[in-house]
């Protein structure tokens, strides 16, 4: 009887298997890195056989691509939709975007940042994949926000292309710190407080009226 119940549970979970495998891979890639993550371990965490993993993903590289496409890229989708629909002042749009960034910093997604910094030298295809699916879109989205603020007279004229890395640098630092110094020393950063400080300093620096308040 137990075998029948187990079989029914297995059938019920069939459609969820790829998502469960991707979620398990995200966690392991974040915790262990790319090289140290084995497909057998992903299968164990996902609660499936190794053969089931290969049924959906031919290689670890393909599984990593699925993690980027299904766990990370949708965050860019949401941000793009928000920017497309937003009708208020651009400083408030930037604040809303920072809320999304703050939420992302509390998830395992930050472990992918650590993975890429540590292992892209040995796996350059991972860096190229992430750049194409995430970074180029994220940079362009931020450029759009800056261009919007400048066109509306809310931001002073700046070069969006060279300003975007200045916006992203503290965010990347917080993500990396979480998995390095923050995890192994008493040098812990308050991610929410640092992100809020960065956001407000950024808005003051961008303000069309430097003496005013955005």
C-alpha atoms as a PDB file:
ATOM      1  CA  UNK A   1       0.000   0.000   0.000  1.00  0.00           C
ATOM      2  CA  UNK A   2       2.870   2.324   0.830  1.00  0.00           C
ATOM      3  CA  UNK A   3       4.340   1.701  -2.617  1.00  0.00           C
ATOM      4  CA  UNK A   4       1.050   2.693  -4.221  1.00  0.00           C
ATOM      5  CA  UNK A   5       0.873   5.873  -2.184  1.00  0.00           C
ATOM      6  CA  UNK A   6       4.492   6.650  -3.014  1.00  0.00           C
ATOM      7  CA  UNK A   7       3.815   6.064  -6.712  1.00  0.00           C
ATOM      8  CA  UNK A   8       0.869   8.401  -6.636  1.00  0.00           C
ATOM      9  CA  UNK A   9       2.934  11.081  -4.910  1.00  0.00           C
ATOM     10  CA  UNK A  10       5.647  10.637  -7.570  1.00  0.00           C
ATOM     11  CA  UNK A  11       3.100  11.052 -10.379  1.00  0.00           C
ATOM     12  CA  UNK A  12       1.638  14.119  -8.705  1.00  0.00           C
ATOM     13  CA  UNK A  13       5.081  15.732  -8.482  1.00  0.00           C
ATOM     14  CA  UNK A  14       6.080  14.927 -12.072  1.00  0.00           C
ATOM     15  CA  UNK A  15       5.233  18.365 -13.459  1.00  0.00           C
ATOM     16  CA  UNK A  16       7.069  20.057 -10.585  1.00  0.00           C
ATOM     17  CA  UNK A  17      10.311  18.132 -11.038  1.00  0.00           C
ATOM     18  CA  UNK A  18      12.168  20.627 -13.301  1.00  0.00           C
ATOM     19  CA  UNK A  19      11.352  23.511 -10.942  1.00  0.00           C
ATOM     20  CA  UNK A  20      12.474  21.457  -7.931  1.00  0.00           C
ATOM     21  CA  UNK A  21      15.719  20.546  -9.680  1.00  0.00           C
ATOM     22  CA  UNK A  22      16.395  24.186 -10.572  1.00  0.00           C
ATOM     23  CA  UNK A  23      15.680  25.293  -6.978  1.00  0.00           C
ATOM     24  CA  UNK A  24      18.038  22.646  -5.623  1.00  0.00           C
ATOM     25  CA  UNK A  25      20.727  23.644  -8.120  1.00  0.00           C
ATOM     26  CA  UNK A  26      20.416  27.315  -7.156  1.00  0.00           C
ATOM     27  CA  UNK A  27      20.944  26.455  -3.498  1.00  0.00           C
ATOM     28  CA  UNK A  28      23.934  24.210  -4.164  1.00  0.00           C
ATOM     29  CA  UNK A  29      25.561  26.559  -6.688  1.00  0.00           C
ATOM     30  CA  UNK A  30      25.201  29.346  -4.111  1.00  0.00           C
ATOM     31  CA  UNK A  31      26.583  27.273  -1.232  1.00  0.00           C
ATOM     32  CA  UNK A  32      29.332  25.305  -2.997  1.00  0.00           C
ATOM     33  CA  UNK A  33      30.080  27.023  -6.283  1.00  0.00           C
ATOM     34  CA  UNK A  34      29.913  25.559  -9.769  1.00  0.00           C
ATOM     35  CA  UNK A  35      32.904  23.214  -9.804  1.00  0.00           C
ATOM     36  CA  UNK A  36      32.068  21.584  -6.454  1.00  0.00           C
ATOM     37  CA  UNK A  37      28.393  21.006  -7.230  1.00  0.00           C
ATOM     38  CA  UNK A  38      27.670  17.527  -8.581  1.00  0.00           C
ATOM     39  CA  UNK A  39      24.504  16.539 -10.378  1.00  0.00           C
ATOM     40  CA  UNK A  40      24.141  13.657  -7.913  1.00  0.00           C
ATOM     41  CA  UNK A  41      23.958  16.194  -5.097  1.00  0.00           C
ATOM     42  CA  UNK A  42      21.373  18.243  -6.973  1.00  0.00           C
ATOM     43  CA  UNK A  43      19.297  15.102  -7.415  1.00  0.00           C
ATOM     44  CA  UNK A  44      19.506  14.307  -3.704  1.00  0.00           C
ATOM     45  CA  UNK A  45      18.437  17.780  -2.635  1.00  0.00           C
ATOM     46  CA  UNK A  46      15.637  17.814  -5.216  1.00  0.00           C
ATOM     47  CA  UNK A  47      14.437  14.387  -4.079  1.00  0.00           C
ATOM     48  CA  UNK A  48      14.827  12.735  -7.482  1.00  0.00           C
ATOM     49  CA  UNK A  49      17.203  10.254  -9.084  1.00  0.00           C
ATOM     50  CA  UNK A  50      20.304  11.349 -10.956  1.00  0.00           C
ATOM     51  CA  UNK A  51      18.725   9.904 -14.083  1.00  0.00           C
ATOM     52  CA  UNK A  52      15.781  12.234 -13.646  1.00  0.00           C
ATOM     53  CA  UNK A  53      18.111  15.225 -13.605  1.00  0.00           C
ATOM     54  CA  UNK A  54      19.655  14.076 -16.893  1.00  0.00           C
ATOM     55  CA  UNK A  55      16.164  13.628 -18.304  1.00  0.00           C
ATOM     56  CA  UNK A  56      15.673  17.392 -18.128  1.00  0.00           C
ATOM     57  CA  UNK A  57      19.245  18.734 -18.260  1.00  0.00           C
ATOM     58  CA  UNK A  58      22.024  17.256 -20.385  1.00  0.00           C
ATOM     59  CA  UNK A  59      24.858  18.842 -18.416  1.00  0.00           C
ATOM     60  CA  UNK A  60      25.700  20.962 -15.388  1.00  0.00           C
ATOM     61  CA  UNK A  61      26.203  23.940 -17.699  1.00  0.00           C
ATOM     62  CA  UNK A  62      22.684  23.534 -19.045  1.00  0.00           C
ATOM     63  CA  UNK A  63      21.365  23.329 -15.491  1.00  0.00           C
ATOM     64  CA  UNK A  64      23.178  26.541 -14.611  1.00  0.00           C
ATOM     65  CA  UNK A  65      21.577  28.214 -17.609  1.00  0.00           C
ATOM     66  CA  UNK A  66      18.184  27.053 -16.353  1.00  0.00           C
ATOM     67  CA  UNK A  67      18.937  28.584 -12.945  1.00  0.00           C
ATOM     68  CA  UNK A  68      19.751  31.915 -14.578  1.00  0.00           C
ATOM     69  CA  UNK A  69      16.728  31.832 -16.890  1.00  0.00           C
ATOM     70  CA  UNK A  70      14.171  30.606 -14.357  1.00  0.00           C
ATOM     71  CA  UNK A  71      15.391  31.910 -10.983  1.00  0.00           C
ATOM     72  CA  UNK A  72      17.291  35.107 -11.786  1.00  0.00           C
ATOM     73  CA  UNK A  73      16.075  36.557 -15.099  1.00  0.00           C
ATOM     74  CA  UNK A  74      12.430  36.796 -13.897  1.00  0.00           C
ATOM     75  CA  UNK A  75      13.583  39.465 -11.440  1.00  0.00           C
ATOM     76  CA  UNK A  76      14.685  41.546 -14.412  1.00  0.00           C
ATOM     77  CA  UNK A  77      11.314  40.865 -16.052  1.00  0.00           C
ATOM     78  CA  UNK A  78       9.506  42.258 -13.000  1.00  0.00           C
ATOM     79  CA  UNK A  79      11.747  45.312 -12.853  1.00  0.00           C
ATOM     80  CA  UNK A  80      11.225  46.031 -16.561  1.00  0.00           C
ATOM     81  CA  UNK A  81       7.460  45.726 -16.171  1.00  0.00           C
ATOM     82  CA  UNK A  82       7.524  48.081 -13.209  1.00  0.00           C
ATOM     83  CA  UNK A  83       9.535  50.692 -15.119  1.00  0.00           C
ATOM     84  CA  UNK A  84       7.251  50.394 -18.165  1.00  0.00           C
ATOM     85  CA  UNK A  85       4.127  50.960 -16.065  1.00  0.00           C
ATOM     86  CA  UNK A  86       5.437  53.603 -13.654  1.00  0.00           C
ATOM     87  CA  UNK A  87       3.963  57.086 -14.097  1.00  0.00           C
ATOM     88  CA  UNK A  88       5.233  58.952 -11.038  1.00  0.00           C
ATOM     89  CA  UNK A  89       8.434  60.899 -10.313  1.00  0.00           C
ATOM     90  CA  UNK A  90      11.654  59.191 -11.310  1.00  0.00           C
ATOM     91  CA  UNK A  91      13.184  59.397  -7.793  1.00  0.00           C
ATOM     92  CA  UNK A  92      10.245  57.316  -6.563  1.00  0.00           C
ATOM     93  CA  UNK A  93      10.787  54.873  -9.415  1.00  0.00           C
ATOM     94  CA  UNK A  94      14.402  54.472  -8.333  1.00  0.00           C
ATOM     95  CA  UNK A  95      13.285  53.929  -4.741  1.00  0.00           C
ATOM     96  CA  UNK A  96      10.876  51.206  -5.905  1.00  0.00           C
ATOM     97  CA  UNK A  97      13.680  49.535  -7.836  1.00  0.00           C
ATOM     98  CA  UNK A  98      15.874  49.567  -4.741  1.00  0.00           C
ATOM     99  CA  UNK A  99      13.113  47.736  -2.879  1.00  0.00           C
ATOM    100  CA  UNK A 100      13.364  44.946  -5.445  1.00  0.00           C
ATOM    101  CA  UNK A 101      17.148  44.920  -5.104  1.00  0.00           C
ATOM    102  CA  UNK A 102      16.882  44.727  -1.327  1.00  0.00           C
ATOM    103  CA  UNK A 103      14.561  41.743  -1.541  1.00  0.00           C
ATOM    104  CA  UNK A 104      16.904  39.976  -3.972  1.00  0.00           C
ATOM    105  CA  UNK A 105      19.847  40.459  -1.594  1.00  0.00           C
ATOM    106  CA  UNK A 106      18.058  38.305   0.991  1.00  0.00           C
ATOM    107  CA  UNK A 107      17.792  35.293  -1.332  1.00  0.00           C
ATOM    108  CA  UNK A 108      20.266  32.615  -2.528  1.00  0.00           C
ATOM    109  CA  UNK A 109      20.596  34.571  -5.782  1.00  0.00           C
ATOM    110  CA  UNK A 110      23.524  36.458  -4.276  1.00  0.00           C
ATOM    111  CA  UNK A 111      25.476  33.218  -4.207  1.00  0.00           C
ATOM    112  CA  UNK A 112      25.531  33.263  -7.999  1.00  0.00           C
ATOM    113  CA  UNK A 113      27.420  36.582  -7.835  1.00  0.00           C
ATOM    114  CA  UNK A 114      30.052  34.906  -5.648  1.00  0.00           C
ATOM    115  CA  UNK A 115      30.194  31.922  -8.000  1.00  0.00           C
ATOM    116  CA  UNK A 116      30.777  34.071 -11.080  1.00  0.00           C
ATOM    117  CA  UNK A 117      33.461  36.207  -9.471  1.00  0.00           C
ATOM    118  CA  UNK A 118      35.295  33.160  -8.123  1.00  0.00           C
ATOM    119  CA  UNK A 119      34.938  30.768 -11.049  1.00  0.00           C
ATOM    120  CA  UNK A 120      34.455  32.703 -14.276  1.00  0.00           C
ATOM    121  CA  UNK A 121      38.169  32.336 -15.017  1.00  0.00           C
ATOM    122  CA  UNK A 122      37.751  28.568 -15.201  1.00  0.00           C
ATOM    123  CA  UNK A 123      34.245  28.683 -16.686  1.00  0.00           C
ATOM    124  CA  UNK A 124      34.124  31.774 -18.942  1.00  0.00           C
ATOM    125  CA  UNK A 125      30.982  30.473 -20.638  1.00  0.00           C
ATOM    126  CA  UNK A 126      29.099  31.036 -17.380  1.00  0.00           C
ATOM    127  CA  UNK A 127      30.158  34.685 -17.283  1.00  0.00           C
ATOM    128  CA  UNK A 128      29.110  35.198 -20.902  1.00  0.00           C
ATOM    129  CA  UNK A 129      25.759  33.540 -20.261  1.00  0.00           C
ATOM    130  CA  UNK A 130      25.052  35.672 -17.188  1.00  0.00           C
ATOM    131  CA  UNK A 131      26.135  38.835 -18.986  1.00  0.00           C
ATOM    132  CA  UNK A 132      23.774  38.142 -21.887  1.00  0.00           C
ATOM    133  CA  UNK A 133      20.749  37.079 -19.839  1.00  0.00           C
ATOM    134  CA  UNK A 134      21.037  39.394 -16.825  1.00  0.00           C
ATOM    135  CA  UNK A 135      23.727  42.072 -16.777  1.00  0.00           C
ATOM    136  CA  UNK A 136      23.080  43.669 -20.171  1.00  0.00           C
ATOM    137  CA  UNK A 137      19.363  43.934 -19.391  1.00  0.00           C
ATOM    138  CA  UNK A 138      19.955  45.260 -15.876  1.00  0.00           C
ATOM    139  CA  UNK A 139      22.405  47.907 -17.086  1.00  0.00           C
ATOM    140  CA  UNK A 140      20.070  49.012 -19.865  1.00  0.00           C
ATOM    141  CA  UNK A 141      17.165  49.221 -17.418  1.00  0.00           C
ATOM    142  CA  UNK A 142      19.120  51.513 -15.113  1.00  0.00           C
ATOM    143  CA  UNK A 143      20.188  53.632 -18.093  1.00  0.00           C
ATOM    144  CA  UNK A 144      16.519  54.009 -19.018  1.00  0.00           C
ATOM    145  CA  UNK A 145      15.689  55.236 -15.525  1.00  0.00           C
ATOM    146  CA  UNK A 146      18.496  57.786 -15.603  1.00  0.00           C
ATOM    147  CA  UNK A 147      17.478  58.952 -19.094  1.00  0.00           C
ATOM    148  CA  UNK A 148      13.880  59.292 -17.911  1.00  0.00           C
ATOM    149  CA  UNK A 149      14.879  61.436 -14.949  1.00  0.00           C
ATOM    150  CA  UNK A 150      17.115  63.661 -17.076  1.00  0.00           C
ATOM    151  CA  UNK A 151      14.445  64.123 -19.761  1.00  0.00           C
ATOM    152  CA  UNK A 152      11.877  65.106 -17.116  1.00  0.00           C
ATOM    153  CA  UNK A 153      14.247  67.597 -15.476  1.00  0.00           C
ATOM    154  CA  UNK A 154      14.349  65.577 -12.250  1.00  0.00           C
ATOM    155  CA  UNK A 155      17.996  64.502 -12.551  1.00  0.00           C
ATOM    156  CA  UNK A 156      20.964  66.620 -13.545  1.00  0.00           C
ATOM    157  CA  UNK A 157      22.636  65.668 -16.845  1.00  0.00           C
ATOM    158  CA  UNK A 158      24.939  62.698 -16.296  1.00  0.00           C
ATOM    159  CA  UNK A 159      26.372  60.040 -18.582  1.00  0.00           C
ATOM    160  CA  UNK A 160      24.020  57.065 -17.952  1.00  0.00           C
ATOM    161  CA  UNK A 161      26.524  54.563 -19.320  1.00  0.00           C
ATOM    162  CA  UNK A 162      29.241  55.486 -16.822  1.00  0.00           C
ATOM    163  CA  UNK A 163      26.851  56.175 -13.939  1.00  0.00           C
ATOM    164  CA  UNK A 164      25.158  52.763 -13.940  1.00  0.00           C
ATOM    165  CA  UNK A 165      28.246  50.896 -12.600  1.00  0.00           C
ATOM    166  CA  UNK A 166      28.389  53.408  -9.735  1.00  0.00           C
ATOM    167  CA  UNK A 167      24.793  52.527  -8.872  1.00  0.00           C
ATOM    168  CA  UNK A 168      25.419  48.792  -8.997  1.00  0.00           C
ATOM    169  CA  UNK A 169      28.797  48.633  -7.221  1.00  0.00           C
ATOM    170  CA  UNK A 170      27.463  48.826  -3.617  1.00  0.00           C
ATOM    171  CA  UNK A 171      24.740  46.298  -4.456  1.00  0.00           C
ATOM    172  CA  UNK A 172      27.345  43.841  -5.716  1.00  0.00           C
ATOM    173  CA  UNK A 173      29.488  44.526  -2.648  1.00  0.00           C
ATOM    174  CA  UNK A 174      26.593  43.665  -0.335  1.00  0.00           C
ATOM    175  CA  UNK A 175      25.922  40.453  -2.222  1.00  0.00           C
ATOM    176  CA  UNK A 176      29.576  39.388  -2.113  1.00  0.00           C
ATOM    177  CA  UNK A 177      30.042  40.434   1.533  1.00  0.00           C
ATOM    178  CA  UNK A 178      27.113  38.236   2.545  1.00  0.00           C
ATOM    179  CA  UNK A 179      29.010  35.120   1.417  1.00  0.00           C
ATOM    180  CA  UNK A 180      32.527  36.129   2.441  1.00  0.00           C
ATOM    181  CA  UNK A 181      33.329  38.407   5.376  1.00  0.00           C
ATOM    182  CA  UNK A 182      29.728  38.455   6.550  1.00  0.00           C
ATOM    183  CA  UNK A 183      29.580  34.670   6.739  1.00  0.00           C
ATOM    184  CA  UNK A 184      32.937  34.057   8.417  1.00  0.00           C
ATOM    185  CA  UNK A 185      33.836  37.112  10.510  1.00  0.00           C
ATOM    186  CA  UNK A 186      32.180  39.602  12.828  1.00  0.00           C
ATOM    187  CA  UNK A 187      32.376  42.202  10.038  1.00  0.00           C
ATOM    188  CA  UNK A 188      28.665  42.102   9.270  1.00  0.00           C
ATOM    189  CA  UNK A 189      27.008  44.803   7.173  1.00  0.00           C
ATOM    190  CA  UNK A 190      23.383  45.771   7.686  1.00  0.00           C
ATOM    191  CA  UNK A 191      22.320  45.232   4.092  1.00  0.00           C
ATOM    192  CA  UNK A 192      19.061  47.135   4.417  1.00  0.00           C
ATOM    193  CA  UNK A 193      20.660  50.154   6.098  1.00  0.00           C
ATOM    194  CA  UNK A 194      23.568  50.297   3.647  1.00  0.00           C
ATOM    195  CA  UNK A 195      21.253  50.004   0.663  1.00  0.00           C
ATOM    196  CA  UNK A 196      19.008  52.786   1.992  1.00  0.00           C
ATOM    197  CA  UNK A 197      22.018  55.045   2.589  1.00  0.00           C
ATOM    198  CA  UNK A 198      23.308  54.345  -0.915  1.00  0.00           C
ATOM    199  CA  UNK A 199      19.902  55.079  -2.425  1.00  0.00           C
ATOM    200  CA  UNK A 200      19.481  58.422  -0.670  1.00  0.00           C
ATOM    201  CA  UNK A 201      23.043  59.547  -1.391  1.00  0.00           C
ATOM    202  CA  UNK A 202      22.538  58.569  -5.016  1.00  0.00           C
ATOM    203  CA  UNK A 203      19.314  60.559  -5.288  1.00  0.00           C
ATOM    204  CA  UNK A 204      20.934  63.635  -3.742  1.00  0.00           C
ATOM    205  CA  UNK A 205      23.814  63.346  -6.177  1.00  0.00           C
ATOM    206  CA  UNK A 206      21.467  63.004  -9.147  1.00  0.00           C
ATOM    207  CA  UNK A 207      19.054  65.760  -8.117  1.00  0.00           C
ATOM    208  CA  UNK A 208      18.642  68.536 -10.692  1.00  0.00           C
ATOM    209  CA  UNK A 209      18.723  70.965  -7.768  1.00  0.00           C
ATOM    210  CA  UNK A 210      21.695  69.825  -5.626  1.00  0.00           C
ATOM    211  CA  UNK A 211      20.432  71.883  -2.723  1.00  0.00           C
ATOM    212  CA  UNK A 212      16.949  70.386  -2.960  1.00  0.00           C
ATOM    213  CA  UNK A 213      15.571  67.091  -1.787  1.00  0.00           C
ATOM    214  CA  UNK A 214      14.316  64.406  -4.213  1.00  0.00           C
END
